[in-house]
Amino acid sequence: MGNWLWLPLLASAHGEKIDRLIAMVHILMVVMFVGWGVFFVYCLVRFRKSKNPAASHDGAKTHISSWIEAAIVLIEIALLVGVSIPFWIAEVDALPRPSENPFEVRVVAQQFLWTTHYPGADGVFGRARVDLIDDEVNPLGLDRNDPAAKDDIVSKILRLPVGRPALIHLTSRDVIHSFAVPEFRVKQDAIPGMSIPVHFTPTMTTAQLREKTGLPDRNFEITCSQLCGLGHYRMQGLVMIDSEAELAAWLAEKSPKK
């Protein structure tokens, strides 16, 4: 669909459905705005003082406004029950199946940065302990004595493969933050003490983004859309979308030496 709503560039598989729903809501709002505006002007003219010198205490004699309000309620219910709820069940609540081979990572928010935890070649996230957290050398508190943690990778960059479902386990170290990447049409609060899954399938690499926009330094960015403190304005994270081969090479390079 044409981007007549001036939405951000679309770079995820489910994003078109989000945009369609946004368009439907905007159309309804425009119709309501114009309709009630016309009705307001009609009332100003129809019931002006020069035509109605004496007040009428009989009230409205028709139920047109009631029928219009009922129609709007039915349209809103149709949008909710017929579009929004089915979309939520199919695209948000249903996590990628193992057969879809999702790329899983943990993303941990804190004031004022995002940290990504990759499970390494074994595909298993290593154990993390609060008492091992050190902002300089071990921001996630990984226990490197845990066999599953020996090949884990910690980075300030979120790198994902294009065309493959990404499953992000989102949490926070301190206060509530909100993980948002507009091009992927995803937004989810990161809440301390909870691990919340976020999933989407990127459809555009970073190189393609730069080519499409004509901006050689353009990147996908995580923004925090929940006020989280004085440094909220600078809480941004870099997202890189690569081919499978490029991502595998980067992971191999970053893998802890045996």
C-alpha atoms as a PDB file:
ATOM      1  CA  MET A   1       0.000   0.000   0.000  1.00  0.00           C
ATOM      2  CA  GLY A   2       1.186   3.523  -0.668  1.00  0.00           C
ATOM      3  CA  ASN A   3       2.622   5.220   2.390  1.00  0.00           C
ATOM      4  CA  TRP A   4       0.182   8.123   2.404  1.00  0.00           C
ATOM      5  CA  LEU A   5       0.419   8.243   6.204  1.00  0.00           C
ATOM      6  CA  TRP A   6       4.134   9.106   6.046  1.00  0.00           C
ATOM      7  CA  LEU A   7       5.041   6.175   8.273  1.00  0.00           C
ATOM      8  CA  PRO A   8       8.665   5.093   8.744  1.00  0.00           C
ATOM      9  CA  LEU A   9      10.225   2.819   6.155  1.00  0.00           C
ATOM     10  CA  LEU A  10       8.846  -0.712   6.397  1.00  0.00           C
ATOM     11  CA  ALA A  11      11.395  -3.485   7.036  1.00  0.00           C
ATOM     12  CA  SER A  12       9.511  -6.393   8.655  1.00  0.00           C
ATOM     13  CA  ALA A  13       7.233  -9.160   7.399  1.00  0.00           C
ATOM     14  CA  HIS A  14       4.284  -8.313   9.654  1.00  0.00           C
ATOM     15  CA  GLY A  15       4.590  -4.533   9.257  1.00  0.00           C
ATOM     16  CA  GLU A  16       2.157  -4.218   6.353  1.00  0.00           C
ATOM     17  CA  LYS A  17      -0.668  -5.534   8.550  1.00  0.00           C
ATOM     18  CA  ILE A  18       0.203  -2.965  11.208  1.00  0.00           C
ATOM     19  CA  ASP A  19       0.178  -0.197   8.600  1.00  0.00           C
ATOM     20  CA  ARG A  20      -3.183  -1.382   7.255  1.00  0.00           C
ATOM     21  CA  LEU A  21      -4.690  -1.265  10.736  1.00  0.00           C
ATOM     22  CA  ILE A  22      -3.260   2.217  11.318  1.00  0.00           C
ATOM     23  CA  ALA A  23      -4.785   3.326   8.003  1.00  0.00           C
ATOM     24  CA  MET A  24      -8.200   1.962   8.977  1.00  0.00           C
ATOM     25  CA  VAL A  25      -8.133   3.804  12.296  1.00  0.00           C
ATOM     26  CA  HIS A  26      -7.064   7.041  10.605  1.00  0.00           C
ATOM     27  CA  ILE A  27      -9.849   6.755   8.026  1.00  0.00           C
ATOM     28  CA  LEU A  28     -12.399   6.280  10.805  1.00  0.00           C
ATOM     29  CA  MET A  29     -10.991   9.276  12.703  1.00  0.00           C
ATOM     30  CA  VAL A  30     -11.116  11.489   9.582  1.00  0.00           C
ATOM     31  CA  VAL A  31     -14.726  10.491   8.869  1.00  0.00           C
ATOM     32  CA  MET A  32     -15.688  11.220  12.485  1.00  0.00           C
ATOM     33  CA  PHE A  33     -13.805  14.540  12.506  1.00  0.00           C
ATOM     34  CA  VAL A  34     -15.420  15.733   9.267  1.00  0.00           C
ATOM     35  CA  GLY A  35     -18.847  14.365  10.174  1.00  0.00           C
ATOM     36  CA  TRP A  36     -19.022  15.911  13.630  1.00  0.00           C
ATOM     37  CA  GLY A  37     -17.543  19.161  12.262  1.00  0.00           C
ATOM     38  CA  VAL A  38     -20.292  19.387   9.649  1.00  0.00           C
ATOM     39  CA  PHE A  39     -22.903  18.578  12.295  1.00  0.00           C
ATOM     40  CA  PHE A  40     -21.494  21.291  14.569  1.00  0.00           C
ATOM     41  CA  VAL A  41     -21.664  23.908  11.795  1.00  0.00           C
ATOM     42  CA  TYR A  42     -25.223  22.777  10.934  1.00  0.00           C
ATOM     43  CA  CYS A  43     -26.272  23.255  14.557  1.00  0.00           C
ATOM     44  CA  LEU A  44     -24.727  26.735  14.672  1.00  0.00           C
ATOM     45  CA  VAL A  45     -26.712  27.758  11.590  1.00  0.00           C
ATOM     46  CA  ARG A  46     -29.918  25.848  12.250  1.00  0.00           C
ATOM     47  CA  PHE A  47     -30.315  26.958  15.857  1.00  0.00           C
ATOM     48  CA  ARG A  48     -28.926  30.489  15.639  1.00  0.00           C
ATOM     49  CA  LYS A  49     -30.521  33.117  17.820  1.00  0.00           C
ATOM     50  CA  SER A  50     -32.182  35.056  14.984  1.00  0.00           C
ATOM     51  CA  LYS A  51     -34.138  31.953  13.950  1.00  0.00           C
ATOM     52  CA  ASN A  52     -34.815  30.747  17.468  1.00  0.00           C
ATOM     53  CA  PRO A  53     -35.511  33.786  19.680  1.00  0.00           C
ATOM     54  CA  ALA A  54     -37.258  31.618  22.262  1.00  0.00           C
ATOM     55  CA  ALA A  55     -35.695  28.561  23.825  1.00  0.00           C
ATOM     56  CA  SER A  56     -37.257  25.189  22.981  1.00  0.00           C
ATOM     57  CA  HIS A  57     -37.647  22.787  25.870  1.00  0.00           C
ATOM     58  CA  ASP A  58     -38.907  19.858  23.816  1.00  0.00           C
ATOM     59  CA  GLY A  59     -35.424  18.596  22.842  1.00  0.00           C
ATOM     60  CA  ALA A  60     -34.496  16.702  19.698  1.00  0.00           C
ATOM     61  CA  LYS A  61     -37.368  14.956  17.958  1.00  0.00           C
ATOM     62  CA  THR A  62     -35.265  12.508  15.946  1.00  0.00           C
ATOM     63  CA  HIS A  63     -32.778   9.814  16.887  1.00  0.00           C
ATOM     64  CA  ILE A  64     -30.363  10.366  14.006  1.00  0.00           C
ATOM     65  CA  SER A  65     -27.440  11.244  16.296  1.00  0.00           C
ATOM     66  CA  SER A  66     -28.079   8.111  18.372  1.00  0.00           C
ATOM     67  CA  TRP A  67     -28.008   5.948  15.235  1.00  0.00           C
ATOM     68  CA  ILE A  68     -24.786   7.609  14.083  1.00  0.00           C
ATOM     69  CA  GLU A  69     -23.149   7.017  17.479  1.00  0.00           C
ATOM     70  CA  ALA A  70     -24.281   3.384  17.417  1.00  0.00           C
ATOM     71  CA  ALA A  71     -22.818   2.943  13.919  1.00  0.00           C
ATOM     72  CA  ILE A  72     -19.470   4.344  15.064  1.00  0.00           C
ATOM     73  CA  VAL A  73     -19.433   1.979  18.042  1.00  0.00           C
ATOM     74  CA  LEU A  74     -20.157  -0.977  15.722  1.00  0.00           C
ATOM     75  CA  ILE A  75     -17.323   0.070  13.381  1.00  0.00           C
ATOM     76  CA  GLU A  76     -14.921   0.310  16.331  1.00  0.00           C
ATOM     77  CA  ILE A  77     -16.005  -3.129  17.566  1.00  0.00           C
ATOM     78  CA  ALA A  78     -15.482  -4.522  14.060  1.00  0.00           C
ATOM     79  CA  LEU A  79     -11.957  -3.076  13.954  1.00  0.00           C
ATOM     80  CA  LEU A  80     -11.186  -4.540  17.374  1.00  0.00           C
ATOM     81  CA  VAL A  81     -12.802  -7.974  17.016  1.00  0.00           C
ATOM     82  CA  GLY A  82     -12.385  -8.449  13.278  1.00  0.00           C
ATOM     83  CA  VAL A  83      -8.897  -7.017  12.771  1.00  0.00           C
ATOM     84  CA  SER A  84      -6.916  -6.147  15.907  1.00  0.00           C
ATOM     85  CA  ILE A  85      -7.556  -9.238  18.035  1.00  0.00           C
ATOM     86  CA  PRO A  86      -6.973 -11.740  15.166  1.00  0.00           C
ATOM     87  CA  PHE A  87      -3.768  -9.875  14.287  1.00  0.00           C
ATOM     88  CA  TRP A  88      -2.587 -10.042  17.897  1.00  0.00           C
ATOM     89  CA  ILE A  89      -3.278 -13.769  18.105  1.00  0.00           C
ATOM     90  CA  ALA A  90      -1.584 -14.559  14.778  1.00  0.00           C
ATOM     91  CA  GLU A  91       1.363 -12.156  14.829  1.00  0.00           C
ATOM     92  CA  VAL A  92       2.091 -11.173  18.426  1.00  0.00           C
ATOM     93  CA  ASP A  93       0.912 -13.892  20.777  1.00  0.00           C
ATOM     94  CA  ALA A  94       2.047 -16.823  18.595  1.00  0.00           C
ATOM     95  CA  LEU A  95       5.813 -17.223  19.005  1.00  0.00           C
ATOM     96  CA  PRO A  96       7.922 -18.674  16.172  1.00  0.00           C
ATOM     97  CA  ARG A  97       7.933 -22.463  16.173  1.00  0.00           C
ATOM     98  CA  PRO A  98      11.236 -24.373  16.520  1.00  0.00           C
ATOM     99  CA  SER A  99      10.721 -25.608  12.951  1.00  0.00           C
ATOM    100  CA  GLU A 100      11.008 -21.985  11.779  1.00  0.00           C
ATOM    101  CA  ASN A 101      14.553 -21.854  13.206  1.00  0.00           C
ATOM    102  CA  PRO A 102      14.223 -18.499  14.988  1.00  0.00           C
ATOM    103  CA  PHE A 103      17.359 -16.535  15.836  1.00  0.00           C
ATOM    104  CA  GLU A 104      17.195 -16.066  19.613  1.00  0.00           C
ATOM    105  CA  VAL A 105      18.925 -13.363  21.639  1.00  0.00           C
ATOM    106  CA  ARG A 106      18.454 -11.627  24.972  1.00  0.00           C
ATOM    107  CA  VAL A 107      18.265  -7.844  25.092  1.00  0.00           C
ATOM    108  CA  VAL A 108      18.765  -6.232  28.490  1.00  0.00           C
ATOM    109  CA  ALA A 109      17.830  -2.587  29.064  1.00  0.00           C
ATOM    110  CA  GLN A 110      19.371  -0.359  31.698  1.00  0.00           C
ATOM    111  CA  GLN A 111      19.858   3.339  32.245  1.00  0.00           C
ATOM    112  CA  PHE A 112      20.823   4.310  29.573  1.00  0.00           C
ATOM    113  CA  LEU A 113      21.845   1.602  27.113  1.00  0.00           C
ATOM    114  CA  TRP A 114      20.866  -1.704  25.533  1.00  0.00           C
ATOM    115  CA  THR A 115      22.984  -4.858  25.854  1.00  0.00           C
ATOM    116  CA  THR A 116      22.565  -7.947  23.678  1.00  0.00           C
ATOM    117  CA  HIS A 117      23.338 -11.472  24.855  1.00  0.00           C
ATOM    118  CA  TYR A 118      23.987 -14.081  22.134  1.00  0.00           C
ATOM    119  CA  PRO A 119      23.897 -17.751  23.204  1.00  0.00           C
ATOM    120  CA  GLY A 120      26.948 -18.735  21.168  1.00  0.00           C
ATOM    121  CA  ALA A 121      27.461 -21.778  18.965  1.00  0.00           C
ATOM    122  CA  ASP A 122      25.747 -24.164  21.396  1.00  0.00           C
ATOM    123  CA  GLY A 123      22.503 -22.178  21.192  1.00  0.00           C
ATOM    124  CA  VAL A 124      22.126 -22.163  24.993  1.00  0.00           C
ATOM    125  CA  PHE A 125      22.137 -19.016  27.112  1.00  0.00           C
ATOM    126  CA  GLY A 126      24.636 -19.243  29.938  1.00  0.00           C
ATOM    127  CA  ARG A 127      23.749 -18.629  33.562  1.00  0.00           C
ATOM    128  CA  ALA A 128      23.751 -15.034  34.795  1.00  0.00           C
ATOM    129  CA  ARG A 129      24.153 -13.957  38.404  1.00  0.00           C
ATOM    130  CA  VAL A 130      23.419 -10.577  39.932  1.00  0.00           C
ATOM    131  CA  ASP A 131      26.514 -10.690  42.146  1.00  0.00           C
ATOM    132  CA  LEU A 132      28.756 -10.977  39.060  1.00  0.00           C
ATOM    133  CA  ILE A 133      27.443  -7.841  37.341  1.00  0.00           C
ATOM    134  CA  ASP A 134      30.150  -5.342  36.520  1.00  0.00           C
ATOM    135  CA  ASP A 135      29.296  -2.504  34.158  1.00  0.00           C
ATOM    136  CA  GLU A 136      32.818  -2.414  32.751  1.00  0.00           C
ATOM    137  CA  VAL A 137      33.659  -6.087  32.179  1.00  0.00           C
ATOM    138  CA  ASN A 138      30.507  -8.133  32.789  1.00  0.00           C
ATOM    139  CA  PRO A 139      27.343  -6.006  32.377  1.00  0.00           C
ATOM    140  CA  LEU A 140      25.028  -9.043  32.342  1.00  0.00           C
ATOM    141  CA  GLY A 141      26.710 -10.947  35.176  1.00  0.00           C
ATOM    142  CA  LEU A 142      27.502 -14.008  33.057  1.00  0.00           C
ATOM    143  CA  ASP A 143      28.966 -16.915  34.997  1.00  0.00           C
ATOM    144  CA  ARG A 144      31.804 -18.034  32.745  1.00  0.00           C
ATOM    145  CA  ASN A 145      32.225 -21.150  34.893  1.00  0.00           C
ATOM    146  CA  ASP A 146      28.929 -22.350  33.506  1.00  0.00           C
ATOM    147  CA  PRO A 147      29.726 -24.547  30.455  1.00  0.00           C
ATOM    148  CA  ALA A 148      26.811 -22.979  28.515  1.00  0.00           C
ATOM    149  CA  ALA A 149      28.221 -19.479  29.091  1.00  0.00           C
ATOM    150  CA  LYS A 150      31.754 -20.115  27.825  1.00  0.00           C
ATOM    151  CA  ASP A 151      30.865 -19.329  24.198  1.00  0.00           C
ATOM    152  CA  ASP A 152      28.261 -16.636  24.903  1.00  0.00           C
ATOM    153  CA  ILE A 153      28.738 -13.205  23.333  1.00  0.00           C
ATOM    154  CA  VAL A 154      27.804  -9.881  24.902  1.00  0.00           C
ATOM    155  CA  SER A 155      27.585  -6.812  22.678  1.00  0.00           C
ATOM    156  CA  LYS A 156      26.138  -3.322  22.555  1.00  0.00           C
ATOM    157  CA  ILE A 157      24.994  -4.101  18.995  1.00  0.00           C
ATOM    158  CA  LEU A 158      21.892  -6.098  18.127  1.00  0.00           C
ATOM    159  CA  ARG A 159      22.705  -8.028  14.948  1.00  0.00           C
ATOM    160  CA  LEU A 160      20.033 -10.153  13.289  1.00  0.00           C
ATOM    161  CA  PRO A 161      19.782 -12.156  10.045  1.00  0.00           C
ATOM    162  CA  VAL A 162      17.518 -10.965   7.264  1.00  0.00           C
ATOM    163  CA  GLY A 163      14.577 -13.163   6.264  1.00  0.00           C
ATOM    164  CA  ARG A 164      14.708 -15.283   9.436  1.00  0.00           C
ATOM    165  CA  PRO A 165      12.390 -14.931  12.441  1.00  0.00           C
ATOM    166  CA  ALA A 166      14.072 -13.093  15.306  1.00  0.00           C
ATOM    167  CA  LEU A 167      12.998 -13.981  18.850  1.00  0.00           C
ATOM    168  CA  ILE A 168      14.171 -11.447  21.425  1.00  0.00           C
ATOM    169  CA  HIS A 169      13.869 -12.126  25.144  1.00  0.00           C
ATOM    170  CA  LEU A 170      13.516  -8.657  26.623  1.00  0.00           C
ATOM    171  CA  THR A 171      14.179  -7.607  30.208  1.00  0.00           C
ATOM    172  CA  SER A 172      15.483  -4.676  32.272  1.00  0.00           C
ATOM    173  CA  ARG A 173      18.119  -4.302  34.982  1.00  0.00           C
ATOM    174  CA  ASP A 174      16.603  -1.283  36.712  1.00  0.00           C
ATOM    175  CA  VAL A 175      13.420   0.566  35.682  1.00  0.00           C
ATOM    176  CA  ILE A 176      10.802   0.091  32.987  1.00  0.00           C
ATOM    177  CA  HIS A 177      12.109   0.849  29.501  1.00  0.00           C
ATOM    178  CA  SER A 178      10.461   0.318  26.121  1.00  0.00           C
ATOM    179  CA  PHE A 179      12.102  -1.445  23.175  1.00  0.00           C
ATOM    180  CA  ALA A 180      11.006   0.183  19.910  1.00  0.00           C
ATOM    181  CA  VAL A 181      12.304  -0.054  16.339  1.00  0.00           C
ATOM    182  CA  PRO A 182       9.891   1.898  14.096  1.00  0.00           C
ATOM    183  CA  GLU A 183      10.987   0.258  10.821  1.00  0.00           C
ATOM    184  CA  PHE A 184      10.135  -3.177  12.238  1.00  0.00           C
ATOM    185  CA  ARG A 185       6.810  -1.968  13.686  1.00  0.00           C
ATOM    186  CA  VAL A 186       7.670  -3.387  17.114  1.00  0.00           C
ATOM    187  CA  LYS A 187       7.372  -1.820  20.546  1.00  0.00           C
ATOM    188  CA  GLN A 188       7.422  -3.623  23.870  1.00  0.00           C
ATOM    189  CA  ASP A 189       8.083  -2.592  27.459  1.00  0.00           C
ATOM    190  CA  ALA A 190      11.143  -4.066  29.176  1.00  0.00           C
ATOM    191  CA  ILE A 191      10.187  -4.760  32.792  1.00  0.00           C
ATOM    192  CA  PRO A 192      12.549  -5.650  35.653  1.00  0.00           C
ATOM    193  CA  GLY A 193      12.166  -9.243  36.824  1.00  0.00           C
ATOM    194  CA  MET A 194      10.354 -10.345  33.659  1.00  0.00           C
ATOM    195  CA  SER A 195      11.518 -11.865  30.379  1.00  0.00           C
ATOM    196  CA  ILE A 196       9.137 -10.761  27.643  1.00  0.00           C
ATOM    197  CA  PRO A 197       9.366 -12.251  24.122  1.00  0.00           C
ATOM    198  CA  VAL A 198       9.353  -9.977  21.070  1.00  0.00           C
ATOM    199  CA  HIS A 199       9.456 -11.472  17.592  1.00  0.00           C
ATOM    200  CA  PHE A 200       9.525 -10.263  14.002  1.00  0.00           C
ATOM    201  CA  THR A 201      11.164 -11.128  10.682  1.00  0.00           C
ATOM    202  CA  PRO A 202      13.452  -8.462   9.172  1.00  0.00           C
ATOM    203  CA  THR A 203      13.009  -8.093   5.420  1.00  0.00           C
ATOM    204  CA  MET A 204      15.750  -5.564   4.698  1.00  0.00           C
ATOM    205  CA  THR A 205      19.461  -5.556   5.461  1.00  0.00           C
ATOM    206  CA  THR A 206      21.271  -2.508   6.746  1.00  0.00           C
ATOM    207  CA  ALA A 207      23.028  -2.225   3.371  1.00  0.00           C
ATOM    208  CA  GLN A 208      19.651  -2.207   1.599  1.00  0.00           C
ATOM    209  CA  LEU A 209      18.357   0.411   4.051  1.00  0.00           C
ATOM    210  CA  ARG A 210      21.273   2.683   3.225  1.00  0.00           C
ATOM    211  CA  GLU A 211      20.822   2.128  -0.499  1.00  0.00           C
ATOM    212  CA  LYS A 212      17.077   2.777  -0.348  1.00  0.00           C
ATOM    213  CA  THR A 213      17.393   5.954   1.706  1.00  0.00           C
ATOM    214  CA  GLY A 214      20.547   7.203  -0.027  1.00  0.00           C
ATOM    215  CA  LEU A 215      22.150   7.716   3.409  1.00  0.00           C
ATOM    216  CA  PRO A 216      25.434   5.798   3.704  1.00  0.00           C
ATOM    217  CA  ASP A 217      25.505   6.099   7.510  1.00  0.00           C
ATOM    218  CA  ARG A 218      21.847   5.216   8.141  1.00  0.00           C
ATOM    219  CA  ASN A 219      21.144   2.419  10.645  1.00  0.00           C
ATOM    220  CA  PHE A 220      18.189   0.772  12.294  1.00  0.00           C
ATOM    221  CA  GLU A 221      18.003   2.022  15.878  1.00  0.00           C
ATOM    222  CA  ILE A 222      16.422   0.890  19.113  1.00  0.00           C
ATOM    223  CA  THR A 223      14.763   3.786  20.856  1.00  0.00           C
ATOM    224  CA  CYS A 224      13.403   3.815  24.384  1.00  0.00           C
ATOM    225  CA  SER A 225       9.799   5.005  24.187  1.00  0.00           C
ATOM    226  CA  GLN A 226       9.237   4.961  27.961  1.00  0.00           C
ATOM    227  CA  LEU A 227      10.481   7.887  30.043  1.00  0.00           C
ATOM    228  CA  CYS A 228      13.184   6.230  32.151  1.00  0.00           C
ATOM    229  CA  GLY A 229      15.265   9.010  33.688  1.00  0.00           C
ATOM    230  CA  LEU A 230      17.332  12.080  32.891  1.00  0.00           C
ATOM    231  CA  GLY A 231      19.323  10.236  30.210  1.00  0.00           C
ATOM    232  CA  HIS A 232      16.242   8.888  28.433  1.00  0.00           C
ATOM    233  CA  TYR A 233      16.881  11.046  25.363  1.00  0.00           C
ATOM    234  CA  ARG A 234      20.195   9.313  24.630  1.00  0.00           C
ATOM    235  CA  MET A 235      19.080   5.723  25.210  1.00  0.00           C
ATOM    236  CA  GLN A 236      19.575   4.436  21.690  1.00  0.00           C
ATOM    237  CA  GLY A 237      20.826   1.096  20.448  1.00  0.00           C
ATOM    238  CA  LEU A 238      22.361   0.098  17.130  1.00  0.00           C
ATOM    239  CA  VAL A 239      20.632  -2.634  15.104  1.00  0.00           C
ATOM    240  CA  MET A 240      22.427  -4.286  12.206  1.00  0.00           C
ATOM    241  CA  ILE A 241      20.596  -6.609   9.802  1.00  0.00           C
ATOM    242  CA  ASP A 242      22.980  -8.882   7.888  1.00  0.00           C
ATOM    243  CA  SER A 243      22.884 -11.887   5.643  1.00  0.00           C
ATOM    244  CA  GLU A 244      23.269 -15.257   7.382  1.00  0.00           C
ATOM    245  CA  ALA A 245      26.881 -15.522   6.185  1.00  0.00           C
ATOM    246  CA  GLU A 246      27.808 -12.024   7.382  1.00  0.00           C
ATOM    247  CA  LEU A 247      26.236 -12.616  10.779  1.00  0.00           C
ATOM    248  CA  ALA A 248      27.935 -16.013  11.173  1.00  0.00           C
ATOM    249  CA  ALA A 249      31.307 -14.444  10.385  1.00  0.00           C
ATOM    250  CA  TRP A 250      30.734 -11.664  12.934  1.00  0.00           C
ATOM    251  CA  LEU A 251      29.672 -14.132  15.641  1.00  0.00           C
ATOM    252  CA  ALA A 252      32.752 -16.271  14.952  1.00  0.00           C
ATOM    253  CA  GLU A 253      34.965 -13.213  15.264  1.00  0.00           C
ATOM    254  CA  LYS A 254      33.363 -12.124  18.551  1.00  0.00           C
ATOM    255  CA  SER A 255      33.239 -15.586  20.091  1.00  0.00           C
ATOM    256  CA  PRO A 256      35.366 -15.829  23.270  1.00  0.00           C
ATOM    257  CA  LYS A 257      38.671 -17.548  22.649  1.00  0.00           C
ATOM    258  CA  LYS A 258      38.860 -21.079  23.960  1.00  0.00           C
END
